[in-house]
Amino acid sequence: MSSMAISNYLGLFILLMFTHPFMLVILNMLIWDKATRARYSSRFNIVCAILAACLMIMHMQTEVVYGKELLDRWYSMNPNG
């Protein structure tokens, strides 16, 4: 059987979803000035949102045929089907 259908884009997307809150907390802990913190947090969130959208779009572009071995066997046994 074939391996699981997961792309590197999906793996990076999941990694981003798990690490984003922690990175945001660390960013907010490192910056003390409220105005600077708000500016950097806003930019960080925008960059992460764009990155997440790009990763999801690129993942959706990958073509995966589930059960290709089973389909090939079926078509070899049933040439008319």
Protein backbone atom coordinates (compact mmCIF):
# COMPACT_ATOMS: atom_id res chain seq x y z
CA MET A 1 0.00 0.00 0.00
CA SER A 2 1.03 3.59 -0.49
CA SER A 3 2.08 5.90 2.29
CA MET A 4 -0.22 8.48 3.85
CA ALA A 5 -1.11 11.42 1.67
CA ILE A 6 0.44 14.39 3.43
CA SER A 7 2.38 17.15 1.77
CA ASN A 8 5.21 19.18 3.23
CA TYR A 9 2.96 22.22 2.90
CA LEU A 10 0.37 20.66 5.20
CA GLY A 11 3.08 19.70 7.68
CA LEU A 12 4.40 23.26 7.75
CA PHE A 13 0.85 24.61 8.07
CA ILE A 14 0.18 22.38 11.10
CA LEU A 15 3.55 23.36 12.60
CA LEU A 16 2.69 27.04 12.11
CA MET A 17 -0.71 26.58 13.78
CA PHE A 18 0.91 24.95 16.83
CA THR A 19 3.85 27.33 17.18
CA HIS A 20 2.16 30.67 16.34
CA PRO A 21 0.63 31.25 19.80
CA PHE A 22 3.90 30.47 21.56
CA MET A 23 5.91 32.73 19.28
CA LEU A 24 3.36 35.51 19.78
CA VAL A 25 3.60 35.21 23.57
CA ILE A 26 7.41 35.26 23.40
CA LEU A 27 7.29 38.31 21.13
CA ASN A 28 4.96 40.11 23.56
CA MET A 29 7.17 39.21 26.52
CA LEU A 30 10.32 40.55 24.85
CA ILE A 31 8.90 43.96 23.87
CA TRP A 32 7.99 46.26 26.74
CA ASP A 33 6.69 49.39 25.01
CA LYS A 34 2.97 49.04 24.26
CA ALA A 35 3.01 50.91 20.94
CA THR A 36 6.01 48.97 19.66
CA ARG A 37 4.50 45.70 20.91
CA ALA A 38 1.22 46.39 19.12
CA ARG A 39 3.04 47.26 15.89
CA TYR A 40 5.24 44.15 15.94
CA SER A 41 2.36 41.88 17.00
CA SER A 42 0.23 43.21 14.18
CA ARG A 43 2.97 42.68 11.60
CA PHE A 44 3.74 39.21 12.97
CA ASN A 45 0.08 38.20 12.74
CA ILE A 46 -0.22 39.52 9.18
CA VAL A 47 2.92 37.65 8.09
CA CYS A 48 1.68 34.44 9.74
CA ALA A 49 -1.75 34.80 8.12
CA ILE A 50 -0.22 35.30 4.67
CA LEU A 51 2.13 32.36 5.22
CA ALA A 52 -0.75 30.15 6.40
CA ALA A 53 -2.85 31.11 3.37
CA CYS A 54 0.03 30.42 0.97
CA LEU A 55 0.76 27.06 2.58
CA MET A 56 -2.89 26.03 2.44
CA ILE A 57 -3.23 27.11 -1.21
CA MET A 58 -0.07 25.23 -2.16
CA HIS A 59 -1.24 22.15 -0.25
CA MET A 60 -4.58 22.22 -2.04
CA GLN A 61 -2.73 22.26 -5.39
CA THR A 62 -1.05 18.90 -4.73
CA GLU A 63 -2.82 16.07 -6.49
CA VAL A 64 -3.18 12.82 -4.59
CA VAL A 65 -4.86 9.68 -5.89
CA TYR A 66 -6.01 7.62 -2.92
CA GLY A 67 -5.73 3.86 -3.40
CA LYS A 68 -3.87 4.03 -6.72
CA GLU A 69 -2.64 0.44 -6.35
CA LEU A 70 -6.18 -0.81 -5.81
CA LEU A 71 -7.47 1.17 -8.78
CA ASP A 72 -4.70 -0.16 -11.03
CA ARG A 73 -5.45 -3.73 -9.94
CA TRP A 74 -9.19 -3.23 -10.53
CA TYR A 75 -8.61 -1.81 -14.01
CA SER A 76 -6.21 -4.66 -14.90
CA MET A 77 -8.81 -7.26 -13.84
CA ASN A 78 -11.75 -5.40 -15.43
CA PRO A 79 -10.58 -3.76 -18.65
CA ASN A 80 -14.15 -2.80 -19.62
CA GLY A 81 -15.00 -1.21 -16.25
